Amino acid sequence: MPLKLKLGKKSGRYDLSQDLYVLKVFLADQELLQCTLGADSTGRDCIEYISQKLEIQQVVMFGLRYQVRCSDPDKRMMRWVELDKPLRKQLEKWACKNRQVLLAVLYHTPNALALTDELARYYYFLLMRSDVVEGRLTVEMDKAIDLAAYSLQAEYGNHDPATHTIEFLQTIPLLPKHISRSAQILEDLLRRVAAYHDRLQGMQQSHASLLYIADAQQCEGYGEEFFFARDEDSTEVQIGYGQDGIVVRRTHVAPLKYRWEEIKEIHSSKRNLIIRQTEMSVFYFVMVGYLIGLKGDRCDRGLKAILA
């Protein structure tokens, strides 16, 4: 259980344990809730508390992440909480903010209809929107307009010209930041968003969030997670994985993809990573920093060798 009580030997009174601490849980850059945990409370205890507090039934879709201490501010590295181990020890060892975690999508479903719990679907939608706005998903302009309109319908219901003005739309996260830096361009885009939102009259908010997720699933980058590394030529790359396989990103070059069915072996030793397709096709990488990734709950994604 997250909370611990100690029984006083003489008085018989129950006192809060000195080992208790308050953990802040964020969704993107917004504080979602706070929970009180004990020194031995696990990540799963925290997830169960979130499930009860937010009334999420399909909480298995979500996990917890934290930012790792790093000497290079340009390399913002994240690590997943190991749910079956004491959370406090993990945060104090690795986290740059040891009383703060992020709620994140642990399992990226290929089918939005699998999100049968309406509240799980809503928080999944919010996390997908964060990926779109922050540029973690590659979204074409027309698709970005559609997504923004679905977002408005999901959160605010039918379009109301008196309320959903351009000025109001400018205050909420809707479009990818990199395509909305110019004030004039942003205003033009938001007018298109408002017009499409108006055409969604009568759509249920839960259905709008479902459409948002379904469209986000078609975007490049969905379900992918990347780590900093160097290739055989000591060129800095990002290596990651998705539902289809392993992806290697290089600056100004198209991503290189290794499909799961094409990979014969993945081997890691300390910071060295080897991907073998055939005897004559072997690729070597050196991870920058620690192999900061997933264990336990996400090893079935095929990266157990990388993240062991």
C-alpha atoms as a PDB file:
ATOM      1  CA  MET A   1       0.000   0.000   0.000  1.00  0.00           C
ATOM      2  CA  PRO A   2       1.271   3.545  -0.698  1.00  0.00           C
ATOM      3  CA  LEU A   3       0.667   4.771   2.861  1.00  0.00           C
ATOM      4  CA  LYS A   4       2.427   3.463   5.939  1.00  0.00           C
ATOM      5  CA  LEU A   5       1.436   3.868   9.564  1.00  0.00           C
ATOM      6  CA  LYS A   6       3.546   3.167  12.625  1.00  0.00           C
ATOM      7  CA  LEU A   7       2.045   2.033  15.918  1.00  0.00           C
ATOM      8  CA  GLY A   8       3.568   3.767  18.927  1.00  0.00           C
ATOM      9  CA  LYS A   9       4.861   1.169  21.414  1.00  0.00           C
ATOM     10  CA  LYS A  10       3.743   3.026  24.536  1.00  0.00           C
ATOM     11  CA  SER A  11       0.801   5.172  23.570  1.00  0.00           C
ATOM     12  CA  GLY A  12      -0.748   2.865  20.981  1.00  0.00           C
ATOM     13  CA  ARG A  13      -1.263   5.916  18.728  1.00  0.00           C
ATOM     14  CA  TYR A  14      -0.814   5.690  14.983  1.00  0.00           C
ATOM     15  CA  ASP A  15       1.680   8.199  13.552  1.00  0.00           C
ATOM     16  CA  LEU A  16       2.648   8.837   9.954  1.00  0.00           C
ATOM     17  CA  SER A  17       5.938   7.180   9.104  1.00  0.00           C
ATOM     18  CA  GLN A  18       8.943   9.444   8.714  1.00  0.00           C
ATOM     19  CA  ASP A  19       9.626   7.598   5.463  1.00  0.00           C
ATOM     20  CA  LEU A  20       6.615   9.109   3.709  1.00  0.00           C
ATOM     21  CA  TYR A  21       7.137  11.567   0.868  1.00  0.00           C
ATOM     22  CA  VAL A  22       4.936  13.468  -1.569  1.00  0.00           C
ATOM     23  CA  LEU A  23       5.349  12.690  -5.269  1.00  0.00           C
ATOM     24  CA  LYS A  24       4.086  14.997  -8.021  1.00  0.00           C
ATOM     25  CA  VAL A  25       2.704  13.325 -11.139  1.00  0.00           C
ATOM     26  CA  PHE A  26       2.715  15.393 -14.334  1.00  0.00           C
ATOM     27  CA  LEU A  27       1.013  14.957 -17.683  1.00  0.00           C
ATOM     28  CA  ALA A  28       3.247  16.817 -20.144  1.00  0.00           C
ATOM     29  CA  ASP A  29       3.969  20.141 -18.388  1.00  0.00           C
ATOM     30  CA  GLN A  30       0.816  20.173 -16.252  1.00  0.00           C
ATOM     31  CA  GLU A  31       0.685  18.795 -12.719  1.00  0.00           C
ATOM     32  CA  LEU A  32      -1.922  16.040 -12.667  1.00  0.00           C
ATOM     33  CA  LEU A  33      -1.986  15.060  -9.003  1.00  0.00           C
ATOM     34  CA  GLN A  34       0.109  14.403  -5.918  1.00  0.00           C
ATOM     35  CA  CYS A  35       0.347  11.161  -4.004  1.00  0.00           C
ATOM     36  CA  THR A  36       1.885  10.228  -0.671  1.00  0.00           C
ATOM     37  CA  LEU A  37       4.149   7.195  -0.808  1.00  0.00           C
ATOM     38  CA  GLY A  38       6.411   5.291   1.542  1.00  0.00           C
ATOM     39  CA  ALA A  39      10.061   4.422   1.082  1.00  0.00           C
ATOM     40  CA  ASP A  40       9.145   0.897  -0.019  1.00  0.00           C
ATOM     41  CA  SER A  41       6.219   1.895  -2.249  1.00  0.00           C
ATOM     42  CA  THR A  42       6.699   0.648  -5.797  1.00  0.00           C
ATOM     43  CA  GLY A  43       5.928   2.258  -9.103  1.00  0.00           C
ATOM     44  CA  ARG A  44       2.920  -0.048  -9.324  1.00  0.00           C
ATOM     45  CA  ASP A  45       1.612   1.362  -6.031  1.00  0.00           C
ATOM     46  CA  CYS A  46       1.759   4.811  -7.618  1.00  0.00           C
ATOM     47  CA  ILE A  47       0.018   3.610 -10.787  1.00  0.00           C
ATOM     48  CA  GLU A  48      -2.741   2.006  -8.710  1.00  0.00           C
ATOM     49  CA  TYR A  49      -3.228   5.270  -6.820  1.00  0.00           C
ATOM     50  CA  ILE A  50      -3.486   7.162 -10.116  1.00  0.00           C
ATOM     51  CA  SER A  51      -5.996   4.601 -11.356  1.00  0.00           C
ATOM     52  CA  GLN A  52      -8.190   5.081  -8.286  1.00  0.00           C
ATOM     53  CA  LYS A  53      -7.854   8.856  -8.134  1.00  0.00           C
ATOM     54  CA  LEU A  54      -8.590   9.437 -11.833  1.00  0.00           C
ATOM     55  CA  GLU A  55     -10.951   6.445 -12.134  1.00  0.00           C
ATOM     56  CA  ILE A  56      -8.971   4.948 -15.031  1.00  0.00           C
ATOM     57  CA  GLN A  57      -9.851   1.300 -15.579  1.00  0.00           C
ATOM     58  CA  GLN A  58      -7.366   0.533 -18.392  1.00  0.00           C
ATOM     59  CA  VAL A  59      -4.424   1.907 -16.434  1.00  0.00           C
ATOM     60  CA  VAL A  60      -2.246  -0.914 -17.825  1.00  0.00           C
ATOM     61  CA  MET A  61      -1.798   1.270 -20.928  1.00  0.00           C
ATOM     62  CA  PHE A  62       0.217   3.796 -18.911  1.00  0.00           C
ATOM     63  CA  GLY A  63       3.555   3.931 -17.139  1.00  0.00           C
ATOM     64  CA  LEU A  64       5.755   6.452 -15.346  1.00  0.00           C
ATOM     65  CA  ARG A  65       8.875   8.197 -16.611  1.00  0.00           C
ATOM     66  CA  TYR A  66      11.383  10.646 -15.192  1.00  0.00           C
ATOM     67  CA  GLN A  67      14.156  12.826 -16.561  1.00  0.00           C
ATOM     68  CA  VAL A  68      17.636  11.511 -15.853  1.00  0.00           C
ATOM     69  CA  ARG A  69      20.474  13.632 -14.529  1.00  0.00           C
ATOM     70  CA  CYS A  70      22.712  14.519 -17.472  1.00  0.00           C
ATOM     71  CA  SER A  71      25.712  16.817 -17.928  1.00  0.00           C
ATOM     72  CA  ASP A  72      24.575  17.799 -21.435  1.00  0.00           C
ATOM     73  CA  PRO A  73      21.414  19.976 -21.259  1.00  0.00           C
ATOM     74  CA  ASP A  74      20.743  19.366 -24.972  1.00  0.00           C
ATOM     75  CA  LYS A  75      20.339  15.637 -24.364  1.00  0.00           C
ATOM     76  CA  ARG A  76      17.111  15.346 -22.405  1.00  0.00           C
ATOM     77  CA  MET A  77      17.125  11.666 -21.527  1.00  0.00           C
ATOM     78  CA  MET A  78      14.178   9.902 -19.964  1.00  0.00           C
ATOM     79  CA  ARG A  79      13.971   6.630 -18.080  1.00  0.00           C
ATOM     80  CA  TRP A  80      10.987   4.403 -17.361  1.00  0.00           C
ATOM     81  CA  VAL A  81      10.089   3.565 -13.780  1.00  0.00           C
ATOM     82  CA  GLU A  82      10.463  -0.142 -13.020  1.00  0.00           C
ATOM     83  CA  LEU A  83       7.003  -0.727 -11.631  1.00  0.00           C
ATOM     84  CA  ASP A  84       7.816  -3.642  -9.331  1.00  0.00           C
ATOM     85  CA  LYS A  85      10.741  -1.945  -7.573  1.00  0.00           C
ATOM     86  CA  PRO A  86      10.729   0.769  -4.872  1.00  0.00           C
ATOM     87  CA  LEU A  87      10.100   4.053  -6.637  1.00  0.00           C
ATOM     88  CA  ARG A  88      11.977   6.311  -4.240  1.00  0.00           C
ATOM     89  CA  LYS A  89      15.272   4.461  -4.696  1.00  0.00           C
ATOM     90  CA  GLN A  90      14.999   4.722  -8.478  1.00  0.00           C
ATOM     91  CA  LEU A  91      14.315   8.456  -8.401  1.00  0.00           C
ATOM     92  CA  GLU A  92      17.052   9.250  -5.889  1.00  0.00           C
ATOM     93  CA  LYS A  93      19.584   7.281  -7.930  1.00  0.00           C
ATOM     94  CA  TRP A  94      18.766   8.569 -11.412  1.00  0.00           C
ATOM     95  CA  ALA A  95      16.289  11.453 -11.535  1.00  0.00           C
ATOM     96  CA  CYS A  96      17.191  15.121 -11.809  1.00  0.00           C
ATOM     97  CA  LYS A  97      13.959  15.856  -9.884  1.00  0.00           C
ATOM     98  CA  ASN A  98      13.553  13.026  -7.410  1.00  0.00           C
ATOM     99  CA  ARG A  99      10.005  13.865  -6.339  1.00  0.00           C
ATOM    100  CA  GLN A 100       8.483  14.164  -9.794  1.00  0.00           C
ATOM    101  CA  VAL A 101       7.380  11.708 -12.498  1.00  0.00           C
ATOM    102  CA  LEU A 102       5.515  11.898 -15.790  1.00  0.00           C
ATOM    103  CA  LEU A 103       2.501   9.827 -16.742  1.00  0.00           C
ATOM    104  CA  ALA A 104       3.206   8.360 -20.185  1.00  0.00           C
ATOM    105  CA  VAL A 105       1.844   5.826 -22.655  1.00  0.00           C
ATOM    106  CA  LEU A 106       3.517   2.514 -21.862  1.00  0.00           C
ATOM    107  CA  TYR A 107       1.794   0.426 -24.532  1.00  0.00           C
ATOM    108  CA  HIS A 108       1.061   2.113 -27.856  1.00  0.00           C
ATOM    109  CA  THR A 109      -1.945   0.257 -29.187  1.00  0.00           C
ATOM    110  CA  PRO A 110      -2.231  -0.192 -32.981  1.00  0.00           C
ATOM    111  CA  ASN A 111      -6.020  -0.101 -32.605  1.00  0.00           C
ATOM    112  CA  ALA A 112      -7.706   2.908 -30.997  1.00  0.00           C
ATOM    113  CA  LEU A 113     -10.845   0.821 -30.424  1.00  0.00           C
ATOM    114  CA  ALA A 114      -8.864  -1.218 -27.895  1.00  0.00           C
ATOM    115  CA  LEU A 115      -9.242   1.780 -25.563  1.00  0.00           C
ATOM    116  CA  THR A 116     -12.674   0.782 -24.309  1.00  0.00           C
ATOM    117  CA  ASP A 117     -12.398   2.775 -21.068  1.00  0.00           C
ATOM    118  CA  GLU A 118     -13.484   6.343 -21.814  1.00  0.00           C
ATOM    119  CA  LEU A 119     -11.161   7.936 -19.240  1.00  0.00           C
ATOM    120  CA  ALA A 120      -8.170   5.877 -20.392  1.00  0.00           C
ATOM    121  CA  ARG A 121      -8.968   7.017 -23.925  1.00  0.00           C
ATOM    122  CA  TYR A 122      -9.125  10.647 -22.787  1.00  0.00           C
ATOM    123  CA  TYR A 123      -5.708  10.594 -21.095  1.00  0.00           C
ATOM    124  CA  TYR A 124      -4.254   8.650 -24.024  1.00  0.00           C
ATOM    125  CA  PHE A 125      -5.582  11.410 -26.291  1.00  0.00           C
ATOM    126  CA  LEU A 126      -3.967  14.114 -24.126  1.00  0.00           C
ATOM    127  CA  LEU A 127      -0.608  12.346 -24.334  1.00  0.00           C
ATOM    128  CA  MET A 128      -0.904  11.928 -28.105  1.00  0.00           C
ATOM    129  CA  ARG A 129      -1.704  15.635 -28.391  1.00  0.00           C
ATOM    130  CA  SER A 130       1.436  16.447 -26.410  1.00  0.00           C
ATOM    131  CA  ASP A 131       3.460  14.329 -28.869  1.00  0.00           C
ATOM    132  CA  VAL A 132       1.924  16.246 -31.786  1.00  0.00           C
ATOM    133  CA  VAL A 133       2.419  19.707 -30.279  1.00  0.00           C
ATOM    134  CA  GLU A 134       6.014  18.999 -29.200  1.00  0.00           C
ATOM    135  CA  GLY A 135       6.926  17.584 -32.616  1.00  0.00           C
ATOM    136  CA  ARG A 136       7.543  14.008 -31.528  1.00  0.00           C
ATOM    137  CA  LEU A 137       5.145  12.912 -34.265  1.00  0.00           C
ATOM    138  CA  THR A 138       5.648  14.012 -37.869  1.00  0.00           C
ATOM    139  CA  VAL A 139       2.348  15.561 -38.959  1.00  0.00           C
ATOM    140  CA  GLU A 140       1.459  17.045 -42.348  1.00  0.00           C
ATOM    141  CA  MET A 141      -0.252  20.440 -42.349  1.00  0.00           C
ATOM    142  CA  ASP A 142      -3.730  19.236 -43.329  1.00  0.00           C
ATOM    143  CA  LYS A 143      -3.548  16.448 -40.770  1.00  0.00           C
ATOM    144  CA  ALA A 144      -2.485  18.945 -38.096  1.00  0.00           C
ATOM    145  CA  ILE A 145      -5.611  21.014 -38.854  1.00  0.00           C
ATOM    146  CA  ASP A 146      -7.826  17.934 -38.512  1.00  0.00           C
ATOM    147  CA  LEU A 147      -6.180  16.920 -35.246  1.00  0.00           C
ATOM    148  CA  ALA A 148      -6.550  20.401 -33.779  1.00  0.00           C
ATOM    149  CA  ALA A 149     -10.277  20.410 -34.597  1.00  0.00           C
ATOM    150  CA  TYR A 150     -10.737  16.955 -33.042  1.00  0.00           C
ATOM    151  CA  SER A 151      -8.901  18.213 -29.965  1.00  0.00           C
ATOM    152  CA  LEU A 152     -11.304  21.144 -29.601  1.00  0.00           C
ATOM    153  CA  GLN A 153     -14.335  18.904 -30.020  1.00  0.00           C
ATOM    154  CA  ALA A 154     -12.948  16.381 -27.517  1.00  0.00           C
ATOM    155  CA  GLU A 155     -12.281  18.979 -24.830  1.00  0.00           C
ATOM    156  CA  TYR A 156     -14.891  21.686 -25.402  1.00  0.00           C
ATOM    157  CA  GLY A 157     -17.685  20.082 -27.383  1.00  0.00           C
ATOM    158  CA  ASN A 158     -19.486  21.891 -30.208  1.00  0.00           C
ATOM    159  CA  HIS A 159     -18.014  25.024 -31.729  1.00  0.00           C
ATOM    160  CA  ASP A 160     -19.248  28.265 -30.161  1.00  0.00           C
ATOM    161  CA  PRO A 161     -18.123  31.357 -32.132  1.00  0.00           C
ATOM    162  CA  ALA A 162     -18.550  33.570 -29.082  1.00  0.00           C
ATOM    163  CA  THR A 163     -16.256  31.401 -26.965  1.00  0.00           C
ATOM    164  CA  HIS A 164     -13.895  29.707 -29.402  1.00  0.00           C
ATOM    165  CA  THR A 165     -12.402  32.874 -30.829  1.00  0.00           C
ATOM    166  CA  ILE A 166      -8.992  33.046 -32.489  1.00  0.00           C
ATOM    167  CA  GLU A 167      -7.688  34.761 -29.361  1.00  0.00           C
ATOM    168  CA  PHE A 168      -8.913  31.853 -27.247  1.00  0.00           C
ATOM    169  CA  LEU A 169      -7.444  29.248 -29.587  1.00  0.00           C
ATOM    170  CA  GLN A 170      -4.057  30.968 -29.362  1.00  0.00           C
ATOM    171  CA  THR A 171      -3.958  30.220 -25.622  1.00  0.00           C
ATOM    172  CA  ILE A 172      -4.254  26.422 -25.847  1.00  0.00           C
ATOM    173  CA  PRO A 173      -1.932  23.760 -27.318  1.00  0.00           C
ATOM    174  CA  LEU A 174      -3.361  22.663 -30.648  1.00  0.00           C
ATOM    175  CA  LEU A 175      -0.790  22.772 -33.464  1.00  0.00           C
ATOM    176  CA  PRO A 176       2.835  21.597 -33.690  1.00  0.00           C
ATOM    177  CA  LYS A 177       5.044  24.351 -32.319  1.00  0.00           C
ATOM    178  CA  HIS A 178       7.369  24.370 -35.314  1.00  0.00           C
ATOM    179  CA  ILE A 179       4.585  25.293 -37.765  1.00  0.00           C
ATOM    180  CA  SER A 180       3.004  27.971 -35.620  1.00  0.00           C
ATOM    181  CA  ARG A 181       5.882  30.311 -34.826  1.00  0.00           C
ATOM    182  CA  SER A 182       4.740  33.108 -37.153  1.00  0.00           C
ATOM    183  CA  ALA A 183       1.809  35.061 -35.683  1.00  0.00           C
ATOM    184  CA  GLN A 184       0.199  35.589 -39.101  1.00  0.00           C
ATOM    185  CA  ILE A 185       0.607  31.960 -40.158  1.00  0.00           C
ATOM    186  CA  LEU A 186      -0.728  30.804 -36.806  1.00  0.00           C
ATOM    187  CA  GLU A 187      -3.812  33.002 -37.126  1.00  0.00           C
ATOM    188  CA  ASP A 188      -4.539  31.675 -40.621  1.00  0.00           C
ATOM    189  CA  LEU A 189      -4.147  28.089 -39.443  1.00  0.00           C
ATOM    190  CA  LEU A 190      -6.400  28.646 -36.450  1.00  0.00           C
ATOM    191  CA  ARG A 191      -9.123  30.036 -38.714  1.00  0.00           C
ATOM    192  CA  ARG A 192      -8.988  26.780 -40.657  1.00  0.00           C
ATOM    193  CA  VAL A 193      -9.106  24.845 -37.387  1.00  0.00           C
ATOM    194  CA  ALA A 194     -12.165  26.799 -36.222  1.00  0.00           C
ATOM    195  CA  ALA A 195     -13.928  26.223 -39.550  1.00  0.00           C
ATOM    196  CA  TYR A 196     -13.367  22.472 -39.375  1.00  0.00           C
ATOM    197  CA  HIS A 197     -14.348  22.409 -35.703  1.00  0.00           C
ATOM    198  CA  ASP A 198     -17.645  24.034 -36.699  1.00  0.00           C
ATOM    199  CA  ARG A 199     -18.294  21.156 -39.126  1.00  0.00           C
ATOM    200  CA  LEU A 200     -17.982  18.654 -36.268  1.00  0.00           C
ATOM    201  CA  GLN A 201     -21.221  19.865 -34.674  1.00  0.00           C
ATOM    202  CA  GLY A 202     -23.001  17.034 -32.875  1.00  0.00           C
ATOM    203  CA  MET A 203     -19.990  14.716 -32.625  1.00  0.00           C
ATOM    204  CA  GLN A 204     -19.632  13.164 -29.179  1.00  0.00           C
ATOM    205  CA  GLN A 205     -16.535  14.323 -27.321  1.00  0.00           C
ATOM    206  CA  SER A 206     -15.421  10.747 -26.647  1.00  0.00           C
ATOM    207  CA  HIS A 207     -15.660   9.960 -30.369  1.00  0.00           C
ATOM    208  CA  ALA A 208     -13.557  13.031 -31.207  1.00  0.00           C
ATOM    209  CA  SER A 209     -10.800  11.820 -28.880  1.00  0.00           C
ATOM    210  CA  LEU A 210     -10.992   8.408 -30.568  1.00  0.00           C
ATOM    211  CA  LEU A 211     -10.574  10.001 -34.012  1.00  0.00           C
ATOM    212  CA  TYR A 212      -7.612  12.024 -32.726  1.00  0.00           C
ATOM    213  CA  ILE A 213      -5.872   8.866 -31.518  1.00  0.00           C
ATOM    214  CA  ALA A 214      -6.646   6.978 -34.735  1.00  0.00           C
ATOM    215  CA  ASP A 215      -5.138   9.770 -36.854  1.00  0.00           C
ATOM    216  CA  ALA A 216      -2.108  10.134 -34.570  1.00  0.00           C
ATOM    217  CA  GLN A 217      -1.429   6.412 -34.979  1.00  0.00           C
ATOM    218  CA  GLN A 218      -0.868   6.984 -38.704  1.00  0.00           C
ATOM    219  CA  CYS A 219       1.831   9.615 -38.117  1.00  0.00           C
ATOM    220  CA  GLU A 220       5.537   8.857 -38.400  1.00  0.00           C
ATOM    221  CA  GLY A 221       7.030   8.460 -34.948  1.00  0.00           C
ATOM    222  CA  TYR A 222       4.008   6.876 -33.273  1.00  0.00           C
ATOM    223  CA  GLY A 223       5.135   4.464 -30.574  1.00  0.00           C
ATOM    224  CA  GLU A 224       8.826   5.148 -31.217  1.00  0.00           C
ATOM    225  CA  GLU A 225      11.373   5.887 -28.503  1.00  0.00           C
ATOM    226  CA  PHE A 226      14.939   7.031 -29.132  1.00  0.00           C
ATOM    227  CA  PHE A 227      18.310   6.996 -27.365  1.00  0.00           C
ATOM    228  CA  PHE A 228      21.525   8.846 -28.183  1.00  0.00           C
ATOM    229  CA  ALA A 229      24.344   6.768 -29.688  1.00  0.00           C
ATOM    230  CA  ARG A 230      27.302   6.794 -32.096  1.00  0.00           C
ATOM    231  CA  ASP A 231      27.661   4.554 -35.126  1.00  0.00           C
ATOM    232  CA  GLU A 232      30.759   2.806 -36.488  1.00  0.00           C
ATOM    233  CA  ASP A 233      32.024   6.106 -37.932  1.00  0.00           C
ATOM    234  CA  SER A 234      31.575   7.857 -34.546  1.00  0.00           C
ATOM    235  CA  THR A 235      28.723   9.869 -36.045  1.00  0.00           C
ATOM    236  CA  GLU A 236      26.109  10.899 -33.507  1.00  0.00           C
ATOM    237  CA  VAL A 237      22.777   9.187 -34.158  1.00  0.00           C
ATOM    238  CA  GLN A 238      19.550   8.430 -32.372  1.00  0.00           C
ATOM    239  CA  ILE A 239      18.600   4.781 -32.165  1.00  0.00           C
ATOM    240  CA  GLY A 240      15.140   3.690 -31.175  1.00  0.00           C
ATOM    241  CA  TYR A 241      12.331   1.276 -31.766  1.00  0.00           C
ATOM    242  CA  GLY A 242       8.726   1.171 -32.813  1.00  0.00           C
ATOM    243  CA  GLN A 243       6.069  -1.383 -33.595  1.00  0.00           C
ATOM    244  CA  ASP A 244       7.729  -2.293 -36.909  1.00  0.00           C
ATOM    245  CA  GLY A 245      11.339  -2.544 -35.792  1.00  0.00           C
ATOM    246  CA  ILE A 246      14.454  -0.559 -34.897  1.00  0.00           C
ATOM    247  CA  VAL A 247      14.992   2.930 -36.328  1.00  0.00           C
ATOM    248  CA  VAL A 248      18.267   4.862 -36.647  1.00  0.00           C
ATOM    249  CA  ARG A 249      18.084   8.610 -37.203  1.00  0.00           C
ATOM    250  CA  ARG A 250      20.947  10.642 -38.650  1.00  0.00           C
ATOM    251  CA  THR A 251      21.032  14.388 -39.272  1.00  0.00           C
ATOM    252  CA  HIS A 252      19.903  15.371 -42.800  1.00  0.00           C
ATOM    253  CA  VAL A 253      19.560  11.712 -43.812  1.00  0.00           C
ATOM    254  CA  ALA A 254      16.450   9.566 -44.124  1.00  0.00           C
ATOM    255  CA  PRO A 255      15.969   7.231 -41.128  1.00  0.00           C
ATOM    256  CA  LEU A 256      17.365   3.721 -41.467  1.00  0.00           C
ATOM    257  CA  LYS A 257      14.907   1.026 -40.422  1.00  0.00           C
ATOM    258  CA  TYR A 258      15.476  -2.604 -39.421  1.00  0.00           C
ATOM    259  CA  ARG A 259      12.210  -4.526 -39.413  1.00  0.00           C
ATOM    260  CA  TRP A 260      11.743  -7.055 -36.611  1.00  0.00           C
ATOM    261  CA  GLU A 261      11.365  -9.944 -39.054  1.00  0.00           C
ATOM    262  CA  GLU A 262      14.693  -8.976 -40.685  1.00  0.00           C
ATOM    263  CA  ILE A 263      16.650  -8.917 -37.417  1.00  0.00           C
ATOM    264  CA  LYS A 264      18.382 -12.184 -36.536  1.00  0.00           C
ATOM    265  CA  GLU A 265      20.025 -11.091 -33.292  1.00  0.00           C
ATOM    266  CA  ILE A 266      20.357  -8.119 -30.954  1.00  0.00           C
ATOM    267  CA  HIS A 267      23.249  -8.157 -28.496  1.00  0.00           C
ATOM    268  CA  SER A 268      24.378  -5.599 -25.932  1.00  0.00           C
ATOM    269  CA  SER A 269      27.397  -5.423 -23.664  1.00  0.00           C
ATOM    270  CA  LYS A 270      27.671  -2.399 -21.399  1.00  0.00           C
ATOM    271  CA  ARG A 271      27.256   0.494 -23.848  1.00  0.00           C
ATOM    272  CA  ASN A 272      27.883  -1.495 -27.026  1.00  0.00           C
ATOM    273  CA  LEU A 273      24.940  -2.531 -29.172  1.00  0.00           C
ATOM    274  CA  ILE A 274      25.099  -4.984 -32.076  1.00  0.00           C
ATOM    275  CA  ILE A 275      22.276  -5.568 -34.550  1.00  0.00           C
ATOM    276  CA  ARG A 276      22.717  -8.573 -36.820  1.00  0.00           C
ATOM    277  CA  GLN A 277      20.577  -9.136 -39.904  1.00  0.00           C
ATOM    278  CA  THR A 278      22.777 -11.742 -41.623  1.00  0.00           C
ATOM    279  CA  GLU A 279      26.347 -12.948 -41.182  1.00  0.00           C
ATOM    280  CA  MET A 280      27.459 -10.256 -43.634  1.00  0.00           C
ATOM    281  CA  SER A 281      25.161  -7.532 -42.352  1.00  0.00           C
ATOM    282  CA  VAL A 282      26.115  -6.462 -38.829  1.00  0.00           C
ATOM    283  CA  PHE A 283      25.716  -2.964 -37.386  1.00  0.00           C
ATOM    284  CA  TYR A 284      27.550  -1.604 -34.327  1.00  0.00           C
ATOM    285  CA  PHE A 285      26.556   1.273 -32.081  1.00  0.00           C
ATOM    286  CA  VAL A 286      27.907   2.771 -28.870  1.00  0.00           C
ATOM    287  CA  MET A 287      25.234   4.223 -26.623  1.00  0.00           C
ATOM    288  CA  VAL A 288      25.902   7.723 -25.262  1.00  0.00           C
ATOM    289  CA  GLY A 289      25.476   7.656 -21.501  1.00  0.00           C
ATOM    290  CA  TYR A 290      23.644   4.768 -19.932  1.00  0.00           C
ATOM    291  CA  LEU A 291      21.279   2.441 -21.711  1.00  0.00           C
ATOM    292  CA  ILE A 292      18.364   4.399 -20.358  1.00  0.00           C
ATOM    293  CA  GLY A 293      15.229   2.637 -21.336  1.00  0.00           C
ATOM    294  CA  LEU A 294      12.740   0.013 -20.448  1.00  0.00           C
ATOM    295  CA  LYS A 295      12.812  -3.086 -18.369  1.00  0.00           C
ATOM    296  CA  GLY A 296      10.222  -5.564 -17.275  1.00  0.00           C
ATOM    297  CA  ASP A 297       6.889  -4.326 -18.572  1.00  0.00           C
ATOM    298  CA  ARG A 298       8.157  -3.377 -22.029  1.00  0.00           C
ATOM    299  CA  CYS A 299      10.785  -6.026 -22.713  1.00  0.00           C
ATOM    300  CA  ASP A 300       8.297  -7.887 -24.880  1.00  0.00           C
ATOM    301  CA  ARG A 301       8.717  -5.123 -27.439  1.00  0.00           C
ATOM    302  CA  GLY A 302      11.865  -6.850 -28.661  1.00  0.00           C
ATOM    303  CA  LEU A 303      14.463  -4.630 -27.010  1.00  0.00           C
ATOM    304  CA  LYS A 304      15.376  -6.789 -24.062  1.00  0.00           C
ATOM    305  CA  ALA A 305      18.912  -7.080 -25.382  1.00  0.00           C
ATOM    306  CA  ILE A 306      19.294  -3.321 -25.621  1.00  0.00           C
ATOM    307  CA  LEU A 307      17.836  -2.560 -22.248  1.00  0.00           C
ATOM    308  CA  ALA A 308      19.100  -5.371 -20.075  1.00  0.00           C
END
